[in-house]
Amino acid sequence: MTAPSSPSEDCARAAGTELVGGDLDVSDELFLISSGLGEAKRPVPRSGAQPGDRIYLTGPLGRTYLALELFSRGKPAEANELFRFVPRVEEGLRLEGSATSMIDLSDSLAHSLHLLSRASGAGLVVEAGGIPLLPALSPDDLEGGHLLRGGLRAPLHRPAGRPPPRAVDRDRGGGGGAGGVAQRG
């Protein structure tokens, strides 16, 4: 009989990787930190966004935002399910040759777009109506900016000169175009 796997092991297996180590320490608080190492034949930088490129997301936003809402309503089991993220490795591989710039949105859509804009030296325009959200959320949840500025986990973001391969913006539901690159400098 084998021990049940942890969510971390499940995630690593889904991404075709291994969980190889850890560090234990004593603290009054729980800290969970992970890092991933990889290799790319042709890395896609943050600095490649150019005027005319479009901004695409490979899936809907709002998992952590919705999970925090569920926790506040006393629904921890439902909330915890939203923290089971599967890395979007396949989507990333499908973008090879079409993406000019990429970034993950683990620090929020607003912050990640700021980093991409700064690295590319380009202004970005985001169309609120084009931001894909989880089905349980509505455009009203964008009001006040909480969903855009923090407490969310999201898929790869891709400004690119060409439309994404169909499988990238439709697989796993909810991906799509969210805006474009407006200007340099």
N, C-alpha and C. Protein backbone atom coordinates (compact mmCIF):
# COMPACT_ATOMS: atom_id res chain seq x y z
N MET A 1 0.84 -1.17 0.00
CA MET A 1 0.00 0.00 0.00
C MET A 1 0.89 1.24 0.00
N THR A 2 0.53 2.23 -0.84
CA THR A 2 1.31 3.47 -0.90
C THR A 2 0.54 4.59 -0.22
N ALA A 3 1.28 5.56 0.26
CA ALA A 3 0.67 6.72 0.91
C ALA A 3 -0.03 7.58 -0.13
N PRO A 4 -1.12 8.22 0.25
CA PRO A 4 -1.79 9.11 -0.71
C PRO A 4 -0.87 10.25 -1.11
N SER A 5 -1.02 10.73 -2.33
CA SER A 5 -0.14 11.81 -2.78
C SER A 5 -0.67 13.15 -2.28
N SER A 6 0.24 14.10 -2.18
CA SER A 6 -0.11 15.45 -1.74
C SER A 6 -0.56 16.27 -2.94
N PRO A 7 -1.25 17.38 -2.70
CA PRO A 7 -1.59 18.26 -3.83
C PRO A 7 -0.35 18.73 -4.59
N SER A 8 0.77 18.93 -3.88
CA SER A 8 2.00 19.34 -4.56
C SER A 8 2.49 18.25 -5.50
N GLU A 9 2.41 17.01 -5.05
CA GLU A 9 2.82 15.90 -5.90
C GLU A 9 1.88 15.74 -7.09
N ASP A 10 0.59 15.94 -6.87
CA ASP A 10 -0.38 15.87 -7.96
C ASP A 10 -0.08 16.93 -9.01
N CYS A 11 0.23 18.14 -8.56
CA CYS A 11 0.55 19.24 -9.47
C CYS A 11 1.82 18.94 -10.26
N ALA A 12 2.85 18.46 -9.59
CA ALA A 12 4.11 18.12 -10.26
C ALA A 12 3.88 17.03 -11.31
N ARG A 13 3.10 16.04 -10.96
CA ARG A 13 2.82 14.94 -11.89
C ARG A 13 2.06 15.46 -13.12
N ALA A 14 1.07 16.34 -12.90
CA ALA A 14 0.29 16.90 -14.01
C ALA A 14 1.17 17.71 -14.96
N ALA A 15 2.23 18.32 -14.43
CA ALA A 15 3.14 19.12 -15.23
C ALA A 15 4.28 18.30 -15.82
N GLY A 16 4.30 17.00 -15.53
CA GLY A 16 5.37 16.14 -16.04
C GLY A 16 6.70 16.40 -15.36
N THR A 17 6.65 16.81 -14.09
CA THR A 17 7.88 17.11 -13.34
C THR A 17 7.91 16.29 -12.06
N GLU A 18 8.92 16.50 -11.26
CA GLU A 18 9.05 15.79 -10.01
C GLU A 18 9.16 16.77 -8.85
N LEU A 19 8.67 16.35 -7.70
CA LEU A 19 8.86 17.09 -6.46
C LEU A 19 10.12 16.49 -5.84
N VAL A 20 11.20 17.28 -5.75
CA VAL A 20 12.49 16.69 -5.39
C VAL A 20 13.06 17.11 -4.06
N GLY A 21 12.45 18.00 -3.35
CA GLY A 21 13.08 18.38 -2.09
C GLY A 21 12.22 19.29 -1.27
N GLY A 22 12.78 19.72 -0.20
CA GLY A 22 12.06 20.63 0.69
C GLY A 22 12.95 21.05 1.81
N ASP A 23 12.47 21.96 2.60
CA ASP A 23 13.23 22.48 3.72
C ASP A 23 12.28 22.60 4.90
N LEU A 24 12.67 22.07 6.01
CA LEU A 24 11.82 22.12 7.21
C LEU A 24 12.41 23.09 8.21
N ASP A 25 11.53 23.80 8.89
CA ASP A 25 11.95 24.74 9.91
C ASP A 25 10.79 24.85 10.90
N VAL A 26 11.02 25.51 12.00
CA VAL A 26 10.00 25.68 13.02
C VAL A 26 9.56 27.14 13.03
N SER A 27 8.24 27.35 13.06
CA SER A 27 7.69 28.70 13.08
C SER A 27 6.30 28.65 13.68
N ASP A 28 5.83 29.78 14.16
CA ASP A 28 4.46 29.88 14.65
C ASP A 28 3.46 29.96 13.50
N GLU A 29 3.93 30.26 12.29
CA GLU A 29 3.07 30.38 11.13
C GLU A 29 3.49 29.37 10.08
N LEU A 30 2.55 29.00 9.21
CA LEU A 30 2.82 28.08 8.11
C LEU A 30 3.25 28.87 6.88
N PHE A 31 4.39 28.51 6.30
CA PHE A 31 4.88 29.11 5.08
C PHE A 31 4.99 28.03 4.03
N LEU A 32 4.41 28.26 2.87
CA LEU A 32 4.54 27.34 1.75
C LEU A 32 5.11 28.11 0.57
N ILE A 33 6.28 27.73 0.15
CA ILE A 33 6.96 28.41 -0.94
C ILE A 33 7.45 27.34 -1.91
N SER A 34 7.27 27.60 -3.19
CA SER A 34 7.78 26.64 -4.17
C SER A 34 8.48 27.39 -5.29
N SER A 35 9.37 26.71 -5.94
CA SER A 35 10.09 27.26 -7.08
C SER A 35 10.13 26.21 -8.16
N GLY A 36 10.11 26.66 -9.38
CA GLY A 36 10.20 25.74 -10.49
C GLY A 36 11.41 26.09 -11.34
N LEU A 37 12.10 25.09 -11.79
CA LEU A 37 13.23 25.27 -12.69
C LEU A 37 12.91 24.57 -13.99
N GLY A 38 13.28 25.18 -15.08
CA GLY A 38 13.00 24.57 -16.37
C GLY A 38 14.01 25.02 -17.40
N GLU A 39 13.82 24.52 -18.58
CA GLU A 39 14.71 24.83 -19.68
C GLU A 39 13.86 25.07 -20.92
N ALA A 40 14.20 26.07 -21.69
CA ALA A 40 13.45 26.38 -22.91
C ALA A 40 14.41 26.50 -24.08
N LYS A 41 14.00 25.96 -25.22
CA LYS A 41 14.82 26.09 -26.43
C LYS A 41 14.82 27.54 -26.90
N ARG A 42 13.65 28.19 -26.84
CA ARG A 42 13.52 29.58 -27.24
C ARG A 42 12.67 30.31 -26.22
N PRO A 43 13.28 30.80 -25.14
CA PRO A 43 12.50 31.50 -24.11
C PRO A 43 11.77 32.72 -24.68
N VAL A 44 10.57 32.96 -24.16
CA VAL A 44 9.80 34.14 -24.56
C VAL A 44 9.95 35.16 -23.44
N PRO A 45 10.55 36.33 -23.73
CA PRO A 45 10.81 37.32 -22.68
C PRO A 45 9.58 38.16 -22.33
N ARG A 46 9.69 38.89 -21.26
CA ARG A 46 8.66 39.88 -20.92
C ARG A 46 8.81 41.11 -21.80
N SER A 47 9.98 41.32 -22.36
CA SER A 47 10.32 42.57 -23.04
C SER A 47 9.94 42.63 -24.52
N GLY A 48 9.20 41.67 -25.03
CA GLY A 48 8.94 41.63 -26.47
C GLY A 48 7.64 42.23 -26.95
N ALA A 49 6.78 42.74 -26.06
CA ALA A 49 5.49 43.31 -26.49
C ALA A 49 5.72 44.53 -27.36
N GLN A 50 4.97 44.61 -28.47
CA GLN A 50 5.12 45.71 -29.42
C GLN A 50 3.75 46.26 -29.79
N PRO A 51 3.70 47.54 -30.20
CA PRO A 51 2.42 48.10 -30.63
C PRO A 51 1.77 47.22 -31.70
N GLY A 52 0.48 47.01 -31.55
CA GLY A 52 -0.26 46.17 -32.48
C GLY A 52 -0.47 44.75 -31.97
N ASP A 53 0.36 44.32 -31.02
CA ASP A 53 0.17 43.00 -30.42
C ASP A 53 -1.13 42.98 -29.63
N ARG A 54 -1.72 41.82 -29.49
CA ARG A 54 -2.92 41.65 -28.68
C ARG A 54 -2.55 40.97 -27.37
N ILE A 55 -3.36 41.17 -26.34
CA ILE A 55 -3.16 40.52 -25.05
C ILE A 55 -4.17 39.39 -24.94
N TYR A 56 -3.68 38.19 -24.67
CA TYR A 56 -4.54 37.01 -24.52
C TYR A 56 -4.29 36.35 -23.17
N LEU A 57 -5.31 35.72 -22.64
CA LEU A 57 -5.21 34.91 -21.43
C LEU A 57 -5.61 33.50 -21.80
N THR A 58 -4.94 32.51 -21.22
CA THR A 58 -5.24 31.12 -21.56
C THR A 58 -6.36 30.53 -20.72
N GLY A 59 -6.93 31.30 -19.84
CA GLY A 59 -8.03 30.80 -19.02
C GLY A 59 -8.62 31.90 -18.18
N PRO A 60 -9.66 31.59 -17.44
CA PRO A 60 -10.35 32.61 -16.65
C PRO A 60 -9.59 33.04 -15.40
N LEU A 61 -9.86 34.25 -14.96
CA LEU A 61 -9.26 34.80 -13.75
C LEU A 61 -10.20 34.62 -12.56
N GLY A 62 -9.64 34.71 -11.37
CA GLY A 62 -10.45 34.83 -10.17
C GLY A 62 -10.47 33.67 -9.21
N ARG A 63 -9.60 32.67 -9.36
CA ARG A 63 -9.64 31.52 -8.47
C ARG A 63 -9.41 31.91 -7.01
N THR A 64 -8.35 32.65 -6.74
CA THR A 64 -8.07 33.00 -5.35
C THR A 64 -9.09 34.00 -4.83
N TYR A 65 -9.49 34.94 -5.65
CA TYR A 65 -10.52 35.90 -5.26
C TYR A 65 -11.79 35.15 -4.81
N LEU A 66 -12.24 34.20 -5.62
CA LEU A 66 -13.44 33.44 -5.29
C LEU A 66 -13.20 32.55 -4.07
N ALA A 67 -12.01 31.96 -3.96
CA ALA A 67 -11.70 31.11 -2.80
C ALA A 67 -11.77 31.93 -1.51
N LEU A 68 -11.22 33.12 -1.51
CA LEU A 68 -11.28 33.96 -0.31
C LEU A 68 -12.72 34.33 0.04
N GLU A 69 -13.54 34.55 -0.97
CA GLU A 69 -14.96 34.81 -0.72
C GLU A 69 -15.62 33.58 -0.07
N LEU A 70 -15.30 32.39 -0.59
CA LEU A 70 -15.88 31.16 -0.04
C LEU A 70 -15.40 30.91 1.39
N PHE A 71 -14.12 31.18 1.67
CA PHE A 71 -13.62 31.06 3.04
C PHE A 71 -14.41 31.98 3.98
N SER A 72 -14.65 33.21 3.53
CA SER A 72 -15.36 34.17 4.39
C SER A 72 -16.82 33.75 4.62
N ARG A 73 -17.36 32.92 3.74
CA ARG A 73 -18.73 32.42 3.90
C ARG A 73 -18.78 31.07 4.62
N GLY A 74 -17.62 30.62 5.14
CA GLY A 74 -17.59 29.36 5.88
C GLY A 74 -17.66 28.12 5.00
N LYS A 75 -17.11 28.20 3.79
CA LYS A 75 -17.12 27.07 2.86
C LYS A 75 -15.69 26.66 2.50
N PRO A 76 -14.92 26.15 3.49
CA PRO A 76 -13.51 25.86 3.25
C PRO A 76 -13.26 24.74 2.23
N ALA A 77 -14.10 23.72 2.17
CA ALA A 77 -13.88 22.63 1.22
C ALA A 77 -13.97 23.15 -0.22
N GLU A 78 -15.00 23.95 -0.50
CA GLU A 78 -15.14 24.52 -1.84
C GLU A 78 -13.99 25.48 -2.15
N ALA A 79 -13.60 26.27 -1.16
CA ALA A 79 -12.51 27.22 -1.35
C ALA A 79 -11.19 26.50 -1.63
N ASN A 80 -10.90 25.46 -0.89
CA ASN A 80 -9.64 24.73 -1.08
C ASN A 80 -9.54 24.10 -2.46
N GLU A 81 -10.65 23.68 -3.03
CA GLU A 81 -10.62 23.11 -4.39
C GLU A 81 -10.10 24.12 -5.40
N LEU A 82 -10.36 25.39 -5.17
CA LEU A 82 -9.91 26.43 -6.09
C LEU A 82 -8.40 26.66 -6.01
N PHE A 83 -7.77 26.16 -4.97
CA PHE A 83 -6.32 26.30 -4.83
C PHE A 83 -5.56 25.12 -5.46
N ARG A 84 -6.25 24.25 -6.14
CA ARG A 84 -5.60 23.13 -6.84
C ARG A 84 -5.30 23.57 -8.27
N PHE A 85 -4.15 24.20 -8.45
CA PHE A 85 -3.76 24.73 -9.75
C PHE A 85 -3.01 23.69 -10.55
N VAL A 86 -3.28 23.63 -11.81
CA VAL A 86 -2.53 22.77 -12.72
C VAL A 86 -1.73 23.69 -13.64
N PRO A 87 -0.43 23.55 -13.67
CA PRO A 87 0.40 24.40 -14.54
C PRO A 87 -0.04 24.28 -16.00
N ARG A 88 -0.04 25.35 -16.71
CA ARG A 88 -0.49 25.39 -18.10
C ARG A 88 0.70 25.17 -19.05
N VAL A 89 1.36 24.05 -18.86
CA VAL A 89 2.53 23.71 -19.67
C VAL A 89 2.15 23.50 -21.13
N GLU A 90 1.08 22.74 -21.38
CA GLU A 90 0.66 22.48 -22.76
C GLU A 90 0.33 23.78 -23.49
N GLU A 91 -0.39 24.67 -22.84
CA GLU A 91 -0.73 25.95 -23.46
C GLU A 91 0.53 26.74 -23.78
N GLY A 92 1.48 26.74 -22.86
CA GLY A 92 2.74 27.43 -23.09
C GLY A 92 3.48 26.87 -24.29
N LEU A 93 3.49 25.55 -24.42
CA LEU A 93 4.17 24.92 -25.56
C LEU A 93 3.48 25.25 -26.88
N ARG A 94 2.15 25.34 -26.85
CA ARG A 94 1.40 25.67 -28.08
C ARG A 94 1.68 27.10 -28.56
N LEU A 95 2.15 27.95 -27.67
CA LEU A 95 2.41 29.35 -28.03
C LEU A 95 3.75 29.54 -28.72
N GLU A 96 4.55 28.50 -28.77
CA GLU A 96 5.87 28.61 -29.39
C GLU A 96 5.75 29.16 -30.81
N GLY A 97 6.51 30.18 -31.08
CA GLY A 97 6.53 30.77 -32.41
C GLY A 97 5.50 31.87 -32.63
N SER A 98 4.52 32.01 -31.73
CA SER A 98 3.52 33.07 -31.94
C SER A 98 3.54 34.14 -30.86
N ALA A 99 4.05 33.84 -29.70
CA ALA A 99 4.06 34.83 -28.61
C ALA A 99 5.29 35.72 -28.72
N THR A 100 5.08 37.02 -28.55
CA THR A 100 6.21 37.95 -28.54
C THR A 100 6.66 38.25 -27.12
N SER A 101 5.78 38.01 -26.15
CA SER A 101 6.07 38.29 -24.76
C SER A 101 5.11 37.47 -23.90
N MET A 102 5.55 37.04 -22.72
CA MET A 102 4.70 36.26 -21.82
C MET A 102 5.02 36.60 -20.38
N ILE A 103 4.02 36.35 -19.51
CA ILE A 103 4.21 36.49 -18.08
C ILE A 103 3.12 35.69 -17.39
N ASP A 104 3.44 35.14 -16.22
CA ASP A 104 2.39 34.49 -15.43
C ASP A 104 1.69 35.59 -14.64
N LEU A 105 0.49 35.31 -14.18
CA LEU A 105 -0.28 36.33 -13.47
C LEU A 105 -0.41 36.02 -11.99
N SER A 106 0.55 35.32 -11.43
CA SER A 106 0.43 34.92 -10.03
C SER A 106 0.41 36.10 -9.07
N ASP A 107 0.89 37.26 -9.50
CA ASP A 107 0.89 38.44 -8.63
C ASP A 107 -0.22 39.41 -8.97
N SER A 108 -1.18 39.00 -9.74
CA SER A 108 -2.37 39.74 -10.15
C SER A 108 -2.21 40.21 -11.60
N LEU A 109 -3.32 40.38 -12.25
CA LEU A 109 -3.32 40.87 -13.63
C LEU A 109 -2.70 42.26 -13.71
N ALA A 110 -3.13 43.16 -12.84
CA ALA A 110 -2.63 44.54 -12.90
C ALA A 110 -1.12 44.61 -12.70
N HIS A 111 -0.60 43.91 -11.69
CA HIS A 111 0.84 43.96 -11.42
C HIS A 111 1.63 43.30 -12.55
N SER A 112 1.15 42.18 -13.04
CA SER A 112 1.87 41.48 -14.11
C SER A 112 1.89 42.29 -15.40
N LEU A 113 0.78 42.96 -15.72
CA LEU A 113 0.76 43.82 -16.90
C LEU A 113 1.70 45.01 -16.73
N HIS A 114 1.78 45.53 -15.51
CA HIS A 114 2.72 46.62 -15.22
C HIS A 114 4.16 46.16 -15.49
N LEU A 115 4.51 44.96 -15.00
CA LEU A 115 5.86 44.44 -15.21
C LEU A 115 6.15 44.24 -16.69
N LEU A 116 5.18 43.70 -17.41
CA LEU A 116 5.35 43.46 -18.84
C LEU A 116 5.49 44.79 -19.60
N SER A 117 4.67 45.76 -19.24
CA SER A 117 4.73 47.08 -19.88
C SER A 117 6.09 47.73 -19.65
N ARG A 118 6.56 47.68 -18.40
CA ARG A 118 7.85 48.27 -18.07
C ARG A 118 8.99 47.57 -18.82
N ALA A 119 8.96 46.25 -18.86
CA ALA A 119 10.03 45.51 -19.53
C ALA A 119 10.04 45.76 -21.04
N SER A 120 8.85 45.92 -21.62
CA SER A 120 8.74 46.12 -23.07
C SER A 120 8.84 47.58 -23.47
N GLY A 121 8.69 48.48 -22.49
CA GLY A 121 8.69 49.90 -22.82
C GLY A 121 7.47 50.27 -23.65
N ALA A 122 6.36 49.60 -23.40
CA ALA A 122 5.15 49.82 -24.19
C ALA A 122 3.95 50.01 -23.29
N GLY A 123 3.00 50.84 -23.72
CA GLY A 123 1.75 51.00 -22.99
C GLY A 123 0.79 49.89 -23.35
N LEU A 124 0.02 49.43 -22.38
CA LEU A 124 -0.93 48.35 -22.60
C LEU A 124 -2.34 48.85 -22.34
N VAL A 125 -3.28 48.40 -23.13
CA VAL A 125 -4.68 48.74 -22.96
C VAL A 125 -5.43 47.44 -22.69
N VAL A 126 -6.20 47.41 -21.58
CA VAL A 126 -6.97 46.22 -21.24
C VAL A 126 -8.45 46.56 -21.35
N GLU A 127 -9.18 45.73 -22.06
CA GLU A 127 -10.62 45.91 -22.23
C GLU A 127 -11.32 45.06 -21.19
N ALA A 128 -11.96 45.70 -20.21
CA ALA A 128 -12.59 44.97 -19.11
C ALA A 128 -13.55 43.90 -19.61
N GLY A 129 -14.28 44.19 -20.66
CA GLY A 129 -15.23 43.21 -21.20
C GLY A 129 -14.57 41.99 -21.81
N GLY A 130 -13.28 42.08 -22.10
CA GLY A 130 -12.57 40.95 -22.69
C GLY A 130 -11.85 40.08 -21.68
N ILE A 131 -11.90 40.44 -20.40
CA ILE A 131 -11.21 39.66 -19.38
C ILE A 131 -12.05 38.44 -19.04
N PRO A 132 -11.54 37.25 -19.30
CA PRO A 132 -12.30 36.04 -18.97
C PRO A 132 -12.32 35.78 -17.47
N LEU A 133 -13.50 35.52 -16.93
CA LEU A 133 -13.66 35.27 -15.51
C LEU A 133 -14.23 33.87 -15.29
N LEU A 134 -14.00 33.32 -14.11
CA LEU A 134 -14.64 32.06 -13.75
C LEU A 134 -16.15 32.23 -13.86
N PRO A 135 -16.88 31.16 -14.21
CA PRO A 135 -18.33 31.27 -14.37
C PRO A 135 -19.05 31.81 -13.12
N ALA A 136 -18.52 31.58 -11.94
CA ALA A 136 -19.16 32.04 -10.70
C ALA A 136 -19.00 33.54 -10.49
N LEU A 137 -18.17 34.20 -11.29
CA LEU A 137 -17.93 35.63 -11.16
C LEU A 137 -18.61 36.38 -12.30
N SER A 138 -18.79 37.68 -12.10
CA SER A 138 -19.41 38.50 -13.13
C SER A 138 -18.56 39.76 -13.34
N PRO A 139 -18.82 40.51 -14.41
CA PRO A 139 -18.08 41.76 -14.61
C PRO A 139 -18.21 42.71 -13.42
N ASP A 140 -19.30 42.61 -12.65
CA ASP A 140 -19.45 43.45 -11.46
C ASP A 140 -18.32 43.20 -10.45
N ASP A 141 -17.74 41.98 -10.46
CA ASP A 141 -16.66 41.66 -9.54
C ASP A 141 -15.37 42.42 -9.87
N LEU A 142 -15.31 43.03 -11.07
CA LEU A 142 -14.16 43.84 -11.44
C LEU A 142 -14.23 45.22 -10.80
N GLU A 143 -15.43 45.64 -10.38
CA GLU A 143 -15.60 46.95 -9.74
C GLU A 143 -14.72 47.04 -8.50
N GLY A 144 -14.09 48.15 -8.30
CA GLY A 144 -13.23 48.36 -7.14
C GLY A 144 -11.82 47.83 -7.33
N GLY A 145 -11.59 47.01 -8.36
CA GLY A 145 -10.26 46.55 -8.69
C GLY A 145 -9.68 45.43 -7.86
N HIS A 146 -10.41 44.92 -6.86
CA HIS A 146 -9.85 43.88 -6.00
C HIS A 146 -9.46 42.64 -6.81
N LEU A 147 -10.26 42.28 -7.75
CA LEU A 147 -9.98 41.10 -8.57
C LEU A 147 -8.76 41.31 -9.46
N LEU A 148 -8.52 42.54 -9.88
CA LEU A 148 -7.41 42.83 -10.78
C LEU A 148 -6.10 43.12 -10.08
N ARG A 149 -6.15 43.60 -8.83
CA ARG A 149 -4.94 44.06 -8.15
C ARG A 149 -4.32 43.05 -7.21
N GLY A 150 -5.02 42.04 -6.81
CA GLY A 150 -4.41 41.12 -5.87
C GLY A 150 -5.31 39.96 -5.53
N GLY A 151 -4.73 38.99 -4.87
CA GLY A 151 -5.50 37.85 -4.42
C GLY A 151 -6.06 37.02 -5.54
N LEU A 152 -5.34 36.88 -6.64
CA LEU A 152 -5.83 36.02 -7.69
C LEU A 152 -4.69 35.22 -8.27
N ARG A 153 -5.02 34.09 -8.82
CA ARG A 153 -4.07 33.28 -9.56
C ARG A 153 -4.64 33.15 -10.95
N ALA A 154 -3.78 33.21 -11.94
CA ALA A 154 -4.28 33.17 -13.30
C ALA A 154 -3.30 32.49 -14.21
N PRO A 155 -3.75 32.19 -15.39
CA PRO A 155 -2.92 31.50 -16.37
C PRO A 155 -1.94 32.41 -17.08
N LEU A 156 -1.20 31.84 -17.99
CA LEU A 156 -0.24 32.59 -18.79
C LEU A 156 -0.91 33.75 -19.51
N HIS A 157 -0.22 34.84 -19.60
CA HIS A 157 -0.66 36.02 -20.33
C HIS A 157 0.23 36.12 -21.55
N ARG A 158 -0.34 36.47 -22.69
CA ARG A 158 0.41 36.41 -23.92
C ARG A 158 0.09 37.57 -24.85
N PRO A 159 0.90 38.64 -24.89
CA PRO A 159 0.72 39.56 -26.00
C PRO A 159 1.43 38.96 -27.20
N ALA A 160 0.82 38.96 -28.33
CA ALA A 160 1.45 38.37 -29.51
C ALA A 160 0.95 39.05 -30.76
N GLY A 161 1.76 38.99 -31.79
CA GLY A 161 1.40 39.60 -33.05
C GLY A 161 0.31 38.84 -33.78
N ARG A 162 0.26 37.54 -33.64
CA ARG A 162 -0.74 36.73 -34.35
C ARG A 162 -1.77 36.23 -33.36
N PRO A 163 -3.00 35.94 -33.84
CA PRO A 163 -3.99 35.33 -32.93
C PRO A 163 -3.43 34.02 -32.39
N PRO A 164 -3.84 33.64 -31.18
CA PRO A 164 -3.31 32.42 -30.58
C PRO A 164 -3.84 31.19 -31.29
N PRO A 165 -3.11 30.08 -31.21
CA PRO A 165 -3.66 28.83 -31.72
C PRO A 165 -5.00 28.58 -31.02
N ARG A 166 -5.99 28.07 -31.75
CA ARG A 166 -7.34 27.89 -31.20
C ARG A 166 -7.32 27.16 -29.86
N ALA A 167 -6.49 26.15 -29.74
CA ALA A 167 -6.47 25.35 -28.50
C ALA A 167 -6.00 26.15 -27.30
N VAL A 168 -5.28 27.22 -27.53
CA VAL A 168 -4.74 27.99 -26.41
C VAL A 168 -5.81 28.83 -25.73
N ASP A 169 -6.64 29.53 -26.50
CA ASP A 169 -7.57 30.43 -25.85
C ASP A 169 -8.93 29.80 -25.61
N ARG A 170 -9.12 28.54 -25.91
CA ARG A 170 -10.41 27.91 -25.68
C ARG A 170 -10.33 26.69 -24.76
N ASP A 171 -9.21 25.99 -24.73
CA ASP A 171 -9.08 24.82 -23.84
C ASP A 171 -9.25 25.23 -22.39
N ARG A 172 -9.78 24.33 -21.60
CA ARG A 172 -9.97 24.54 -20.16
C ARG A 172 -10.94 25.68 -19.87
N GLY A 173 -11.56 26.19 -20.88
CA GLY A 173 -12.63 27.16 -20.70
C GLY A 173 -12.19 28.55 -20.32
N GLY A 174 -12.79 29.52 -20.95
CA GLY A 174 -12.71 30.88 -20.48
C GLY A 174 -11.57 31.74 -20.94
N GLY A 175 -10.64 31.26 -21.75
CA GLY A 175 -9.56 32.11 -22.19
C GLY A 175 -10.03 33.07 -23.26
N GLY A 176 -9.19 34.02 -23.63
CA GLY A 176 -9.57 34.91 -24.71
C GLY A 176 -8.78 36.19 -24.72
N GLY A 177 -9.13 37.05 -25.68
CA GLY A 177 -8.46 38.32 -25.85
C GLY A 177 -8.92 39.33 -24.82
N ALA A 178 -7.97 40.07 -24.25
CA ALA A 178 -8.31 41.02 -23.19
C ALA A 178 -7.83 42.43 -23.48
N GLY A 179 -7.13 42.66 -24.60
CA GLY A 179 -6.64 44.00 -24.88
C GLY A 179 -5.51 43.99 -25.85
N GLY A 180 -4.72 45.06 -25.85
CA GLY A 180 -3.63 45.15 -26.80
C GLY A 180 -2.53 46.07 -26.32
N VAL A 181 -1.45 46.09 -27.10
CA VAL A 181 -0.30 46.95 -26.82
C VAL A 181 -0.49 48.23 -27.61
N ALA A 182 -0.50 49.37 -26.93
CA ALA A 182 -0.87 50.63 -27.55
C ALA A 182 0.30 51.39 -28.14
N GLN A 183 1.40 51.52 -27.42
CA GLN A 183 2.48 52.39 -27.90
C GLN A 183 3.79 52.03 -27.21
N ARG A 184 4.87 52.45 -27.82
CA ARG A 184 6.21 52.32 -27.22
C ARG A 184 6.54 53.61 -26.51
N GLY A 185 7.37 53.46 -25.43
CA GLY A 185 7.90 54.63 -24.77
C GLY A 185 6.96 55.32 -23.93
